[in-house]
Amino acid sequence: MAWLPFEDEIAGKIEQLILKYNSEWSGCNEMRHPIVIPDIYHEFFTIEKEDVFDVYVPFTRESWNGRMKACRGIGASLPEEDIGKFDEEHMAMLEETAPRRFDILHYAAMTTMRKK
C-alpha cells in the first residue's frame, strides 16, 4: 500500500518536501502495481489472484504529519535537527493547503497464492 503522489495533490506536495530534506529517499514516485513475487516462490506456489485497488485513507493534519515523520525518508534517516525543521515546514504547508480532515489516495495490492 502506498500513496499516489501523481494523483493526490497533498501526497505530491509531501514528496517534494521529503526530497528537499532527503534527496536520497528511494520511496518516492509510487504508482499502482501488483506485488512483485520473487521467482523462487513459483517453485512452491501458484498465483490464484492478483488485485490492485484504490483506497482513500483519512487523516487529520496532525496524523498525516505523524505519518510523514514515521516515513523512512524522514524519521528513520534524518538527524533530529532536520526532523524538527521538516516538522515545522510540513505543518505550515498543511495549514495553508489542507483542511483539518482530509483523505489521501493510496493504492493497495494483494496477491493470493496457493501451495503446489
N, C-alpha and C. Protein backbone atom coordinates (compact mmCIF):
# COMPACT_ATOMS: atom_id res chain seq x y z
N MET A 1 0.85 -1.17 0.00
CA MET A 1 0.00 0.00 0.00
C MET A 1 0.89 1.23 0.00
N ALA A 2 0.53 2.21 -0.81
CA ALA A 2 1.32 3.44 -0.88
C ALA A 2 0.45 4.57 -1.40
N TRP A 3 0.81 5.80 -1.01
CA TRP A 3 0.06 6.94 -1.54
C TRP A 3 0.45 7.17 -2.99
N LEU A 4 -0.38 7.92 -3.70
CA LEU A 4 -0.18 8.15 -5.13
C LEU A 4 0.12 9.63 -5.38
N PRO A 5 1.40 9.99 -5.41
CA PRO A 5 1.78 11.41 -5.47
C PRO A 5 1.43 12.11 -6.79
N PHE A 6 1.25 11.36 -7.86
CA PHE A 6 0.92 11.98 -9.14
C PHE A 6 -0.57 12.21 -9.30
N GLU A 7 -1.36 11.67 -8.37
CA GLU A 7 -2.82 11.79 -8.44
C GLU A 7 -3.42 12.52 -7.25
N ASP A 8 -2.70 12.60 -6.16
CA ASP A 8 -3.19 13.24 -4.95
C ASP A 8 -2.32 14.47 -4.67
N GLU A 9 -2.95 15.63 -4.65
CA GLU A 9 -2.19 16.88 -4.52
C GLU A 9 -1.37 16.95 -3.23
N ILE A 10 -1.98 16.58 -2.12
CA ILE A 10 -1.26 16.65 -0.84
C ILE A 10 -0.09 15.65 -0.84
N ALA A 11 -0.33 14.44 -1.33
CA ALA A 11 0.75 13.44 -1.38
C ALA A 11 1.88 13.93 -2.29
N GLY A 12 1.54 14.58 -3.39
CA GLY A 12 2.58 15.11 -4.28
C GLY A 12 3.42 16.17 -3.61
N LYS A 13 2.75 17.05 -2.86
CA LYS A 13 3.49 18.12 -2.17
C LYS A 13 4.40 17.56 -1.09
N ILE A 14 3.92 16.54 -0.37
CA ILE A 14 4.76 15.99 0.69
C ILE A 14 5.99 15.31 0.11
N GLU A 15 5.84 14.65 -1.04
CA GLU A 15 7.01 14.01 -1.64
C GLU A 15 8.08 15.04 -1.97
N GLN A 16 7.67 16.19 -2.48
CA GLN A 16 8.64 17.23 -2.80
C GLN A 16 9.33 17.73 -1.54
N LEU A 17 8.56 17.85 -0.46
CA LEU A 17 9.15 18.30 0.80
C LEU A 17 10.10 17.25 1.36
N ILE A 18 9.72 15.99 1.32
CA ILE A 18 10.62 14.94 1.80
C ILE A 18 11.91 14.97 1.00
N LEU A 19 11.81 15.09 -0.32
CA LEU A 19 13.01 15.10 -1.17
C LEU A 19 13.88 16.34 -0.91
N LYS A 20 13.26 17.43 -0.49
CA LYS A 20 14.04 18.62 -0.12
C LYS A 20 14.97 18.29 1.06
N TYR A 21 14.47 17.51 2.01
CA TYR A 21 15.26 17.18 3.19
C TYR A 21 16.10 15.91 3.01
N ASN A 22 15.69 15.05 2.08
CA ASN A 22 16.41 13.79 1.89
C ASN A 22 16.35 13.41 0.40
N SER A 23 17.27 13.95 -0.37
CA SER A 23 17.27 13.72 -1.82
C SER A 23 17.59 12.27 -2.18
N GLU A 24 18.08 11.49 -1.23
CA GLU A 24 18.41 10.09 -1.48
C GLU A 24 17.24 9.15 -1.19
N TRP A 25 16.11 9.67 -0.74
CA TRP A 25 14.96 8.84 -0.40
C TRP A 25 14.49 8.06 -1.62
N SER A 26 14.37 6.75 -1.47
CA SER A 26 14.01 5.89 -2.60
C SER A 26 12.52 5.51 -2.60
N GLY A 27 11.75 6.02 -1.67
CA GLY A 27 10.35 5.63 -1.57
C GLY A 27 9.40 6.54 -2.33
N CYS A 28 9.92 7.36 -3.21
CA CYS A 28 9.07 8.33 -3.91
C CYS A 28 8.58 7.79 -5.26
N ASN A 29 7.67 8.55 -5.84
CA ASN A 29 7.17 8.29 -7.20
C ASN A 29 6.41 6.98 -7.35
N GLU A 30 5.72 6.55 -6.30
CA GLU A 30 4.94 5.31 -6.38
C GLU A 30 3.79 5.44 -7.38
N MET A 31 3.54 4.35 -8.06
CA MET A 31 2.39 4.22 -8.94
C MET A 31 1.79 2.84 -8.71
N ARG A 32 0.56 2.66 -9.12
CA ARG A 32 -0.09 1.37 -8.93
C ARG A 32 0.71 0.26 -9.61
N HIS A 33 0.87 -0.86 -8.89
CA HIS A 33 1.50 -2.04 -9.48
C HIS A 33 1.18 -3.25 -8.62
N PRO A 34 1.14 -4.43 -9.23
CA PRO A 34 0.95 -5.63 -8.42
C PRO A 34 2.18 -5.91 -7.56
N ILE A 35 2.01 -6.76 -6.60
CA ILE A 35 3.12 -7.16 -5.74
C ILE A 35 4.11 -7.97 -6.59
N VAL A 36 5.37 -7.67 -6.44
CA VAL A 36 6.40 -8.42 -7.15
C VAL A 36 6.69 -9.69 -6.35
N ILE A 37 6.49 -10.82 -7.00
CA ILE A 37 6.71 -12.11 -6.35
C ILE A 37 8.07 -12.65 -6.81
N PRO A 38 8.99 -12.90 -5.89
CA PRO A 38 10.29 -13.45 -6.28
C PRO A 38 10.13 -14.79 -7.02
N ASP A 39 10.98 -15.02 -7.99
CA ASP A 39 10.89 -16.22 -8.83
C ASP A 39 10.87 -17.52 -8.02
N ILE A 40 11.64 -17.57 -6.96
CA ILE A 40 11.73 -18.81 -6.17
C ILE A 40 10.36 -19.24 -5.64
N TYR A 41 9.46 -18.30 -5.39
CA TYR A 41 8.13 -18.64 -4.87
C TYR A 41 7.35 -19.50 -5.86
N HIS A 42 7.59 -19.29 -7.15
CA HIS A 42 6.83 -20.02 -8.16
C HIS A 42 7.13 -21.52 -8.16
N GLU A 43 8.23 -21.92 -7.55
CA GLU A 43 8.52 -23.35 -7.41
C GLU A 43 7.55 -24.02 -6.44
N PHE A 44 7.05 -23.26 -5.50
CA PHE A 44 6.25 -23.83 -4.42
C PHE A 44 4.79 -23.37 -4.39
N PHE A 45 4.49 -22.29 -5.11
CA PHE A 45 3.16 -21.71 -5.08
C PHE A 45 2.70 -21.34 -6.48
N THR A 46 1.39 -21.30 -6.66
CA THR A 46 0.80 -20.75 -7.88
C THR A 46 -0.01 -19.52 -7.49
N ILE A 47 -0.01 -18.55 -8.35
CA ILE A 47 -0.79 -17.34 -8.10
C ILE A 47 -2.24 -17.62 -8.45
N GLU A 48 -3.11 -17.42 -7.50
CA GLU A 48 -4.54 -17.60 -7.74
C GLU A 48 -5.21 -16.30 -8.14
N LYS A 49 -4.78 -15.21 -7.53
CA LYS A 49 -5.44 -13.94 -7.81
C LYS A 49 -4.49 -12.79 -7.46
N GLU A 50 -4.52 -11.78 -8.30
CA GLU A 50 -3.80 -10.54 -8.02
C GLU A 50 -4.82 -9.41 -8.10
N ASP A 51 -4.71 -8.48 -7.18
CA ASP A 51 -5.65 -7.37 -7.18
C ASP A 51 -4.92 -6.10 -6.77
N VAL A 52 -5.20 -5.04 -7.49
CA VAL A 52 -4.68 -3.71 -7.17
C VAL A 52 -5.88 -2.78 -7.16
N PHE A 53 -6.06 -2.04 -6.07
CA PHE A 53 -7.25 -1.20 -5.95
C PHE A 53 -6.93 0.07 -5.17
N ASP A 54 -7.80 1.06 -5.32
CA ASP A 54 -7.62 2.34 -4.65
C ASP A 54 -8.33 2.36 -3.30
N VAL A 55 -7.73 3.06 -2.37
CA VAL A 55 -8.35 3.31 -1.07
C VAL A 55 -8.07 4.76 -0.68
N TYR A 56 -9.03 5.37 -0.06
CA TYR A 56 -8.85 6.71 0.49
C TYR A 56 -8.65 6.57 1.99
N VAL A 57 -7.49 7.00 2.47
CA VAL A 57 -7.14 6.86 3.88
C VAL A 57 -7.34 8.21 4.55
N PRO A 58 -8.18 8.25 5.60
CA PRO A 58 -8.46 9.53 6.26
C PRO A 58 -7.34 9.93 7.22
N PHE A 59 -7.07 11.23 7.23
CA PHE A 59 -6.06 11.81 8.11
C PHE A 59 -6.56 13.15 8.64
N THR A 60 -5.97 13.58 9.73
CA THR A 60 -6.03 14.98 10.16
C THR A 60 -4.66 15.56 9.83
N ARG A 61 -4.52 16.84 9.95
CA ARG A 61 -3.19 17.43 9.73
C ARG A 61 -2.16 16.80 10.66
N GLU A 62 -2.55 16.61 11.90
CA GLU A 62 -1.62 16.06 12.89
C GLU A 62 -1.27 14.61 12.60
N SER A 63 -2.28 13.80 12.23
CA SER A 63 -1.99 12.39 11.98
C SER A 63 -1.17 12.20 10.70
N TRP A 64 -1.43 13.03 9.68
CA TRP A 64 -0.62 12.95 8.46
C TRP A 64 0.81 13.39 8.75
N ASN A 65 0.97 14.42 9.57
CA ASN A 65 2.31 14.86 9.94
C ASN A 65 3.05 13.75 10.69
N GLY A 66 2.36 13.08 11.59
CA GLY A 66 2.97 11.96 12.29
C GLY A 66 3.34 10.83 11.35
N ARG A 67 2.46 10.55 10.41
CA ARG A 67 2.74 9.51 9.41
C ARG A 67 3.98 9.88 8.60
N MET A 68 4.10 11.14 8.23
CA MET A 68 5.25 11.56 7.42
C MET A 68 6.54 11.52 8.23
N LYS A 69 6.48 11.87 9.50
CA LYS A 69 7.70 11.79 10.32
C LYS A 69 8.12 10.33 10.51
N ALA A 70 7.16 9.40 10.45
CA ALA A 70 7.48 7.98 10.57
C ALA A 70 8.00 7.40 9.25
N CYS A 71 7.84 8.13 8.17
CA CYS A 71 8.32 7.69 6.86
C CYS A 71 9.82 7.45 6.91
N ARG A 72 10.28 6.41 6.25
CA ARG A 72 11.72 6.10 6.29
C ARG A 72 12.58 7.19 5.67
N GLY A 73 11.98 8.04 4.86
CA GLY A 73 12.72 9.16 4.28
C GLY A 73 12.96 10.29 5.26
N ILE A 74 12.25 10.27 6.38
CA ILE A 74 12.39 11.33 7.39
C ILE A 74 12.88 10.73 8.71
N GLY A 75 11.97 10.14 9.47
CA GLY A 75 12.29 9.70 10.83
C GLY A 75 13.38 8.66 10.94
N ALA A 76 13.47 7.77 9.95
CA ALA A 76 14.45 6.69 10.02
C ALA A 76 15.81 7.07 9.45
N SER A 77 15.91 8.26 8.84
CA SER A 77 17.17 8.55 8.16
C SER A 77 17.74 9.94 8.38
N LEU A 78 17.00 10.82 9.03
CA LEU A 78 17.49 12.19 9.22
C LEU A 78 17.88 12.44 10.67
N PRO A 79 18.82 13.35 10.90
CA PRO A 79 19.14 13.74 12.28
C PRO A 79 17.97 14.51 12.89
N GLU A 80 17.88 14.49 14.21
CA GLU A 80 16.77 15.13 14.93
C GLU A 80 16.55 16.58 14.52
N GLU A 81 17.63 17.31 14.31
CA GLU A 81 17.52 18.72 13.94
C GLU A 81 16.75 18.87 12.61
N ASP A 82 17.07 18.04 11.64
CA ASP A 82 16.38 18.10 10.34
C ASP A 82 14.94 17.63 10.45
N ILE A 83 14.69 16.64 11.31
CA ILE A 83 13.31 16.19 11.52
C ILE A 83 12.48 17.33 12.08
N GLY A 84 13.04 18.09 13.00
CA GLY A 84 12.35 19.25 13.57
C GLY A 84 12.05 20.31 12.53
N LYS A 85 13.01 20.59 11.67
CA LYS A 85 12.79 21.57 10.60
C LYS A 85 11.73 21.08 9.63
N PHE A 86 11.81 19.81 9.26
CA PHE A 86 10.80 19.22 8.39
C PHE A 86 9.42 19.36 9.02
N ASP A 87 9.32 19.01 10.29
CA ASP A 87 8.06 19.05 11.02
C ASP A 87 7.43 20.45 10.95
N GLU A 88 8.22 21.47 11.21
CA GLU A 88 7.72 22.85 11.16
C GLU A 88 7.25 23.22 9.76
N GLU A 89 8.05 22.91 8.76
CA GLU A 89 7.69 23.27 7.39
C GLU A 89 6.48 22.47 6.90
N HIS A 90 6.42 21.22 7.28
CA HIS A 90 5.30 20.37 6.86
C HIS A 90 3.99 20.87 7.48
N MET A 91 4.00 21.18 8.77
CA MET A 91 2.77 21.66 9.41
C MET A 91 2.33 22.99 8.82
N ALA A 92 3.26 23.87 8.51
CA ALA A 92 2.91 25.15 7.88
C ALA A 92 2.29 24.90 6.50
N MET A 93 2.86 23.97 5.76
CA MET A 93 2.32 23.63 4.44
C MET A 93 0.89 23.09 4.57
N LEU A 94 0.67 22.20 5.53
CA LEU A 94 -0.66 21.63 5.72
C LEU A 94 -1.68 22.70 6.12
N GLU A 95 -1.28 23.62 6.97
CA GLU A 95 -2.20 24.68 7.38
C GLU A 95 -2.61 25.55 6.20
N GLU A 96 -1.72 25.70 5.22
CA GLU A 96 -2.02 26.51 4.04
C GLU A 96 -2.81 25.74 2.99
N THR A 97 -2.61 24.43 2.89
CA THR A 97 -3.14 23.69 1.74
C THR A 97 -4.17 22.61 2.05
N ALA A 98 -4.30 22.21 3.30
CA ALA A 98 -5.17 21.07 3.62
C ALA A 98 -6.22 21.46 4.65
N PRO A 99 -7.44 20.94 4.49
CA PRO A 99 -8.43 21.15 5.55
C PRO A 99 -8.02 20.36 6.80
N ARG A 100 -8.71 20.57 7.88
CA ARG A 100 -8.36 19.87 9.13
C ARG A 100 -8.40 18.36 8.97
N ARG A 101 -9.39 17.87 8.23
CA ARG A 101 -9.54 16.44 7.94
C ARG A 101 -9.55 16.26 6.43
N PHE A 102 -8.85 15.25 5.94
CA PHE A 102 -8.77 15.02 4.51
C PHE A 102 -8.42 13.56 4.26
N ASP A 103 -8.59 13.13 3.04
CA ASP A 103 -8.23 11.78 2.63
C ASP A 103 -7.02 11.85 1.70
N ILE A 104 -6.18 10.83 1.77
CA ILE A 104 -5.05 10.70 0.86
C ILE A 104 -5.30 9.44 0.02
N LEU A 105 -5.24 9.62 -1.31
CA LEU A 105 -5.44 8.50 -2.21
C LEU A 105 -4.22 7.57 -2.16
N HIS A 106 -4.49 6.31 -1.87
CA HIS A 106 -3.47 5.25 -1.86
C HIS A 106 -3.92 4.16 -2.83
N TYR A 107 -2.99 3.32 -3.21
CA TYR A 107 -3.37 2.07 -3.85
C TYR A 107 -2.97 0.95 -2.89
N ALA A 108 -3.65 -0.15 -2.99
CA ALA A 108 -3.30 -1.35 -2.23
C ALA A 108 -3.17 -2.50 -3.22
N ALA A 109 -2.27 -3.41 -2.95
CA ALA A 109 -2.07 -4.56 -3.82
C ALA A 109 -2.09 -5.82 -2.96
N MET A 110 -2.74 -6.85 -3.50
CA MET A 110 -2.81 -8.14 -2.81
C MET A 110 -2.57 -9.24 -3.84
N THR A 111 -1.87 -10.29 -3.41
CA THR A 111 -1.70 -11.46 -4.23
C THR A 111 -2.04 -12.68 -3.37
N THR A 112 -2.92 -13.51 -3.89
CA THR A 112 -3.28 -14.75 -3.22
C THR A 112 -2.55 -15.88 -3.92
N MET A 113 -1.84 -16.68 -3.13
CA MET A 113 -1.07 -17.79 -3.68
C MET A 113 -1.52 -19.09 -3.01
N ARG A 114 -1.43 -20.17 -3.76
CA ARG A 114 -1.77 -21.50 -3.23
C ARG A 114 -0.54 -22.40 -3.32
N LYS A 115 -0.32 -23.16 -2.26
CA LYS A 115 0.79 -24.10 -2.24
C LYS A 115 0.56 -25.15 -3.33
N LYS A 116 1.63 -25.47 -4.06
CA LYS A 116 1.54 -26.50 -5.12
C LYS A 116 1.42 -27.88 -4.50
